[in-house]
Amino acid sequence: MRVNKPAAVATKLKGNMQTGSIVDYLKSINVDSSFANRKKLAAKQGIKDYTGTALQNTQLLKKLRG
C-alpha cells in the first residue's frame, strides 16, 4: 500500500540519492509523484510555471534533495 504524504514531507526525507528521476525519487520516499503533486512541490520550491520539462524536473530534484 502506497502512502501519499503531504508535499512538505518531501523536503525532510532522504530517499534514493542515486536516481536522476524526480518520479523515482518521490516514490522512494513514499510521496505522490503525480504531475499535480510535482507542480505543488515545484511552486513551494520557487519553480514557476511548472510544466514537467526535463530541466524543471532536474531543478526540483536538486532542490528536494537539498
PDB file of N, CA and C in Angstrom:
ATOM      1  N   MET A   1       0.843  -1.177   0.000  1.00  0.00           N
ATOM      2  CA  MET A   1       0.000   0.000   0.000  1.00  0.00           C
ATOM      3  C   MET A   1       0.893   1.246   0.000  1.00  0.00           C
ATOM      4  N   ARG A   2       0.632   2.143  -0.892  1.00  0.00           N
ATOM      5  CA  ARG A   2       1.426   3.365  -1.022  1.00  0.00           C
ATOM      6  C   ARG A   2       0.805   4.472  -0.190  1.00  0.00           C
ATOM      7  N   VAL A   3       1.626   5.154   0.568  1.00  0.00           N
ATOM      8  CA  VAL A   3       1.161   6.240   1.413  1.00  0.00           C
ATOM      9  C   VAL A   3       1.416   7.557   0.697  1.00  0.00           C
ATOM     10  N   ASN A   4       0.409   8.377   0.604  1.00  0.00           N
ATOM     11  CA  ASN A   4       0.568   9.699  -0.006  1.00  0.00           C
ATOM     12  C   ASN A   4       0.783  10.714   1.095  1.00  0.00           C
ATOM     13  N   LYS A   5       2.025  11.145   1.231  1.00  0.00           N
ATOM     14  CA  LYS A   5       2.363  12.103   2.268  1.00  0.00           C
ATOM     15  C   LYS A   5       2.252  13.509   1.705  1.00  0.00           C
ATOM     16  N   PRO A   6       2.019  14.477   2.552  1.00  0.00           N
ATOM     17  CA  PRO A   6       1.934  15.861   2.090  1.00  0.00           C
ATOM     18  C   PRO A   6       3.221  16.312   1.412  1.00  0.00           C
ATOM     19  N   ALA A   7       3.087  17.271   0.527  1.00  0.00           N
ATOM     20  CA  ALA A   7       4.226  17.789  -0.231  1.00  0.00           C
ATOM     21  C   ALA A   7       5.347  18.270   0.669  1.00  0.00           C
ATOM     22  N   ALA A   8       5.023  18.818   1.818  1.00  0.00           N
ATOM     23  CA  ALA A   8       6.051  19.356   2.717  1.00  0.00           C
ATOM     24  C   ALA A   8       6.984  18.272   3.232  1.00  0.00           C
ATOM     25  N   VAL A   9       6.500  17.052   3.317  1.00  0.00           N
ATOM     26  CA  VAL A   9       7.307  15.955   3.820  1.00  0.00           C
ATOM     27  C   VAL A   9       8.482  15.658   2.890  1.00  0.00           C
ATOM     28  N   ALA A  10       8.321  15.899   1.603  1.00  0.00           N
ATOM     29  CA  ALA A  10       9.344  15.552   0.625  1.00  0.00           C
ATOM     30  C   ALA A  10      10.673  16.215   0.916  1.00  0.00           C
ATOM     31  N   THR A  11      10.663  17.350   1.539  1.00  0.00           N
ATOM     32  CA  THR A  11      11.912  18.043   1.802  1.00  0.00           C
ATOM     33  C   THR A  11      12.595  17.561   3.077  1.00  0.00           C
ATOM     34  N   LYS A  12      11.946  16.697   3.845  1.00  0.00           N
ATOM     35  CA  LYS A  12      12.505  16.255   5.119  1.00  0.00           C
ATOM     36  C   LYS A  12      13.050  14.834   5.074  1.00  0.00           C
ATOM     37  N   LEU A  13      12.731  14.067   4.055  1.00  0.00           N
ATOM     38  CA  LEU A  13      13.139  12.678   3.975  1.00  0.00           C
ATOM     39  C   LEU A  13      14.292  12.499   3.000  1.00  0.00           C
ATOM     40  N   LYS A  14      15.115  11.509   3.268  1.00  0.00           N
ATOM     41  CA  LYS A  14      16.218  11.198   2.375  1.00  0.00           C
ATOM     42  C   LYS A  14      15.860   9.913   1.656  1.00  0.00           C
ATOM     43  N   GLY A  15      15.677  10.007   0.376  1.00  0.00           N
ATOM     44  CA  GLY A  15      15.296   8.842  -0.402  1.00  0.00           C
ATOM     45  C   GLY A  15      16.434   8.368  -1.275  1.00  0.00           C
ATOM     46  N   ASN A  16      16.089   7.837  -2.413  1.00  0.00           N
ATOM     47  CA  ASN A  16      17.055   7.315  -3.376  1.00  0.00           C
ATOM     48  C   ASN A  16      17.916   8.452  -3.908  1.00  0.00           C
ATOM     49  N   MET A  17      19.145   8.518  -3.453  1.00  0.00           N
ATOM     50  CA  MET A  17      20.050   9.598  -3.857  1.00  0.00           C
ATOM     51  C   MET A  17      20.790   9.252  -5.153  1.00  0.00           C
ATOM     52  N   GLN A  18      20.547   8.079  -5.703  1.00  0.00           N
ATOM     53  CA  GLN A  18      21.218   7.637  -6.922  1.00  0.00           C
ATOM     54  C   GLN A  18      20.428   7.999  -8.179  1.00  0.00           C
ATOM     55  N   THR A  19      19.129   8.058  -8.070  1.00  0.00           N
ATOM     56  CA  THR A  19      18.284   8.249  -9.246  1.00  0.00           C
ATOM     57  C   THR A  19      18.349   9.673  -9.790  1.00  0.00           C
ATOM     58  N   GLY A  20      18.180   9.784 -11.094  1.00  0.00           N
ATOM     59  CA  GLY A  20      18.099  11.086 -11.740  1.00  0.00           C
ATOM     60  C   GLY A  20      16.660  11.442 -12.067  1.00  0.00           C
ATOM     61  N   SER A  21      15.724  10.633 -11.592  1.00  0.00           N
ATOM     62  CA  SER A  21      14.301  10.807 -11.886  1.00  0.00           C
ATOM     63  C   SER A  21      13.562  11.357 -10.685  1.00  0.00           C
ATOM     64  N   ILE A  22      12.864  12.468 -10.887  1.00  0.00           N
ATOM     65  CA  ILE A  22      12.073  13.038  -9.805  1.00  0.00           C
ATOM     66  C   ILE A  22      10.960  12.072  -9.388  1.00  0.00           C
ATOM     67  N   VAL A  23      10.377  11.385 -10.346  1.00  0.00           N
ATOM     68  CA  VAL A  23       9.301  10.434 -10.042  1.00  0.00           C
ATOM     69  C   VAL A  23       9.836   9.297  -9.179  1.00  0.00           C
ATOM     70  N   ASP A  24      10.973   8.723  -9.563  1.00  0.00           N
ATOM     71  CA  ASP A  24      11.556   7.634  -8.783  1.00  0.00           C
ATOM     72  C   ASP A  24      11.970   8.112  -7.400  1.00  0.00           C
ATOM     73  N   TYR A  25      12.504   9.314  -7.317  1.00  0.00           N
ATOM     74  CA  TYR A  25      12.900   9.862  -6.026  1.00  0.00           C
ATOM     75  C   TYR A  25      11.685  10.009  -5.111  1.00  0.00           C
ATOM     76  N   LEU A  26      10.613  10.600  -5.623  1.00  0.00           N
ATOM     77  CA  LEU A  26       9.410  10.782  -4.807  1.00  0.00           C
ATOM     78  C   LEU A  26       8.843   9.437  -4.371  1.00  0.00           C
ATOM     79  N   LYS A  27       8.848   8.464  -5.266  1.00  0.00           N
ATOM     80  CA  LYS A  27       8.359   7.133  -4.901  1.00  0.00           C
ATOM     81  C   LYS A  27       9.214   6.525  -3.792  1.00  0.00           C
ATOM     82  N   SER A  28      10.524   6.797  -3.826  1.00  0.00           N
ATOM     83  CA  SER A  28      11.426   6.221  -2.821  1.00  0.00           C
ATOM     84  C   SER A  28      11.178   6.779  -1.425  1.00  0.00           C
ATOM     85  N   ILE A  29      10.507   7.932  -1.344  1.00  0.00           N
ATOM     86  CA  ILE A  29      10.160   8.499  -0.035  1.00  0.00           C
ATOM     87  C   ILE A  29       8.649   8.458   0.203  1.00  0.00           C
ATOM     88  N   ASN A  30       7.976   7.631  -0.598  1.00  0.00           N
ATOM     89  CA  ASN A  30       6.527   7.410  -0.462  1.00  0.00           C
ATOM     90  C   ASN A  30       5.706   8.682  -0.561  1.00  0.00           C
ATOM     91  N   VAL A  31       6.090   9.550  -1.512  1.00  0.00           N
ATOM     92  CA  VAL A  31       5.354  10.784  -1.770  1.00  0.00           C
ATOM     93  C   VAL A  31       4.699  10.666  -3.144  1.00  0.00           C
ATOM     94  N   ASP A  32       3.493  11.138  -3.246  1.00  0.00           N
ATOM     95  CA  ASP A  32       2.740  11.143  -4.502  1.00  0.00           C
ATOM     96  C   ASP A  32       3.593  11.772  -5.608  1.00  0.00           C
ATOM     97  N   SER A  33       3.828  11.027  -6.684  1.00  0.00           N
ATOM     98  CA  SER A  33       4.666  11.516  -7.782  1.00  0.00           C
ATOM     99  C   SER A  33       3.845  12.007  -8.976  1.00  0.00           C
ATOM    100  N   SER A  34       2.559  12.183  -8.785  1.00  0.00           N
ATOM    101  CA  SER A  34       1.700  12.642  -9.876  1.00  0.00           C
ATOM    102  C   SER A  34       2.113  14.037 -10.337  1.00  0.00           C
ATOM    103  N   PHE A  35       1.743  14.380 -11.554  1.00  0.00           N
ATOM    104  CA  PHE A  35       2.066  15.709 -12.071  1.00  0.00           C
ATOM    105  C   PHE A  35       1.503  16.797 -11.167  1.00  0.00           C
ATOM    106  N   ALA A  36       0.280  16.609 -10.709  1.00  0.00           N
ATOM    107  CA  ALA A  36      -0.355  17.624  -9.862  1.00  0.00           C
ATOM    108  C   ALA A  36       0.455  17.866  -8.588  1.00  0.00           C
ATOM    109  N   ASN A  37       0.948  16.806  -7.965  1.00  0.00           N
ATOM    110  CA  ASN A  37       1.727  16.982  -6.744  1.00  0.00           C
ATOM    111  C   ASN A  37       3.106  17.558  -7.048  1.00  0.00           C
ATOM    112  N   ARG A  38       3.718  17.128  -8.166  1.00  0.00           N
ATOM    113  CA  ARG A  38       5.008  17.704  -8.549  1.00  0.00           C
ATOM    114  C   ARG A  38       4.866  19.194  -8.819  1.00  0.00           C
ATOM    115  N   LYS A  39       3.740  19.592  -9.383  1.00  0.00           N
ATOM    116  CA  LYS A  39       3.502  21.018  -9.639  1.00  0.00           C
ATOM    117  C   LYS A  39       3.424  21.790  -8.322  1.00  0.00           C
ATOM    118  N   LYS A  40       2.756  21.215  -7.322  1.00  0.00           N
ATOM    119  CA  LYS A  40       2.673  21.851  -5.997  1.00  0.00           C
ATOM    120  C   LYS A  40       4.059  21.938  -5.355  1.00  0.00           C
ATOM    121  N   LEU A  41       4.807  20.849  -5.443  1.00  0.00           N
ATOM    122  CA  LEU A  41       6.162  20.840  -4.885  1.00  0.00           C
ATOM    123  C   LEU A  41       7.032  21.894  -5.563  1.00  0.00           C
ATOM    124  N   ALA A  42       6.925  21.969  -6.884  1.00  0.00           N
ATOM    125  CA  ALA A  42       7.716  22.941  -7.645  1.00  0.00           C
ATOM    126  C   ALA A  42       7.388  24.364  -7.202  1.00  0.00           C
ATOM    127  N   ALA A  43       6.118  24.665  -7.040  1.00  0.00           N
ATOM    128  CA  ALA A  43       5.707  26.006  -6.612  1.00  0.00           C
ATOM    129  C   ALA A  43       6.294  26.324  -5.242  1.00  0.00           C
ATOM    130  N   LYS A  44       6.261  25.359  -4.334  1.00  0.00           N
ATOM    131  CA  LYS A  44       6.808  25.568  -2.989  1.00  0.00           C
ATOM    132  C   LYS A  44       8.319  25.753  -3.019  1.00  0.00           C
ATOM    133  N   GLN A  45       8.960  25.222  -4.054  1.00  0.00           N
ATOM    134  CA  GLN A  45      10.416  25.331  -4.179  1.00  0.00           C
ATOM    135  C   GLN A  45      10.833  26.501  -5.069  1.00  0.00           C
ATOM    136  N   GLY A  46       9.862  27.313  -5.495  1.00  0.00           N
ATOM    137  CA  GLY A  46      10.177  28.515  -6.267  1.00  0.00           C
ATOM    138  C   GLY A  46      10.337  28.297  -7.756  1.00  0.00           C
ATOM    139  N   ILE A  47       9.891  27.158  -8.254  1.00  0.00           N
ATOM    140  CA  ILE A  47       9.943  26.899  -9.695  1.00  0.00           C
ATOM    141  C   ILE A  47       8.606  27.338 -10.279  1.00  0.00           C
ATOM    142  N   LYS A  48       8.656  28.403 -11.063  1.00  0.00           N
ATOM    143  CA  LYS A  48       7.419  28.993 -11.598  1.00  0.00           C
ATOM    144  C   LYS A  48       6.990  28.305 -12.891  1.00  0.00           C
ATOM    145  N   ASP A  49       5.690  28.280 -13.117  1.00  0.00           N
ATOM    146  CA  ASP A  49       5.102  27.739 -14.349  1.00  0.00           C
ATOM    147  C   ASP A  49       5.584  26.325 -14.656  1.00  0.00           C
ATOM    148  N   TYR A  50       5.546  25.468 -13.668  1.00  0.00           N
ATOM    149  CA  TYR A  50       5.998  24.085 -13.826  1.00  0.00           C
ATOM    150  C   TYR A  50       5.153  23.366 -14.861  1.00  0.00           C
ATOM    151  N   THR A  51       5.821  22.802 -15.867  1.00  0.00           N
ATOM    152  CA  THR A  51       5.148  22.023 -16.898  1.00  0.00           C
ATOM    153  C   THR A  51       5.706  20.608 -16.998  1.00  0.00           C
ATOM    154  N   GLY A  52       6.689  20.298 -16.166  1.00  0.00           N
ATOM    155  CA  GLY A  52       7.248  18.948 -16.153  1.00  0.00           C
ATOM    156  C   GLY A  52       8.362  18.715 -17.147  1.00  0.00           C
ATOM    157  N   THR A  53       9.017  19.784 -17.594  1.00  0.00           N
ATOM    158  CA  THR A  53      10.130  19.602 -18.527  1.00  0.00           C
ATOM    159  C   THR A  53      11.288  18.909 -17.813  1.00  0.00           C
ATOM    160  N   ALA A  54      12.197  18.359 -18.594  1.00  0.00           N
ATOM    161  CA  ALA A  54      13.364  17.692 -18.026  1.00  0.00           C
ATOM    162  C   ALA A  54      14.160  18.657 -17.152  1.00  0.00           C
ATOM    163  N   LEU A  55      14.332  19.884 -17.606  1.00  0.00           N
ATOM    164  CA  LEU A  55      15.080  20.883 -16.844  1.00  0.00           C
ATOM    165  C   LEU A  55      14.383  21.177 -15.513  1.00  0.00           C
ATOM    166  N   GLN A  56      13.081  21.377 -15.547  1.00  0.00           N
ATOM    167  CA  GLN A  56      12.337  21.660 -14.318  1.00  0.00           C
ATOM    168  C   GLN A  56      12.383  20.469 -13.362  1.00  0.00           C
ATOM    169  N   ASN A  57      12.290  19.265 -13.900  1.00  0.00           N
ATOM    170  CA  ASN A  57      12.340  18.078 -13.054  1.00  0.00           C
ATOM    171  C   ASN A  57      13.708  17.944 -12.385  1.00  0.00           C
ATOM    172  N   THR A  58      14.762  18.252 -13.119  1.00  0.00           N
ATOM    173  CA  THR A  58      16.105  18.212 -12.556  1.00  0.00           C
ATOM    174  C   THR A  58      16.259  19.266 -11.466  1.00  0.00           C
ATOM    175  N   GLN A  59      15.744  20.460 -11.717  1.00  0.00           N
ATOM    176  CA  GLN A  59      15.797  21.527 -10.716  1.00  0.00           C
ATOM    177  C   GLN A  59      15.048  21.114  -9.461  1.00  0.00           C
ATOM    178  N   LEU A  60      13.866  20.567  -9.634  1.00  0.00           N
ATOM    179  CA  LEU A  60      13.047  20.150  -8.499  1.00  0.00           C
ATOM    180  C   LEU A  60      13.754  19.048  -7.700  1.00  0.00           C
ATOM    181  N   LEU A  61      14.312  18.092  -8.394  1.00  0.00           N
ATOM    182  CA  LEU A  61      15.025  17.014  -7.734  1.00  0.00           C
ATOM    183  C   LEU A  61      16.171  17.551  -6.885  1.00  0.00           C
ATOM    184  N   LYS A  62      16.947  18.455  -7.436  1.00  0.00           N
ATOM    185  CA  LYS A  62      18.077  19.042  -6.703  1.00  0.00           C
ATOM    186  C   LYS A  62      17.598  19.814  -5.467  1.00  0.00           C
ATOM    187  N   LYS A  63      16.528  20.570  -5.619  1.00  0.00           N
ATOM    188  CA  LYS A  63      16.010  21.343  -4.502  1.00  0.00           C
ATOM    189  C   LYS A  63      15.473  20.460  -3.387  1.00  0.00           C
ATOM    190  N   LEU A  64      14.793  19.394  -3.754  1.00  0.00           N
ATOM    191  CA  LEU A  64      14.236  18.491  -2.739  1.00  0.00           C
ATOM    192  C   LEU A  64      15.318  17.726  -2.005  1.00  0.00           C
ATOM    193  N   ARG A  65      16.383  17.414  -2.696  1.00  0.00           N
ATOM    194  CA  ARG A  65      17.488  16.695  -2.057  1.00  0.00           C
ATOM    195  C   ARG A  65      18.321  17.606  -1.165  1.00  0.00           C
ATOM    196  N   GLY A  66      18.233  18.903  -1.435  1.00  0.00           N
ATOM    197  CA  GLY A  66      18.956  19.868  -0.629  1.00  0.00           C
ATOM    198  C   GLY A  66      20.367  19.901  -0.957  1.00  0.00           C
TER     199      GLY A  66
END
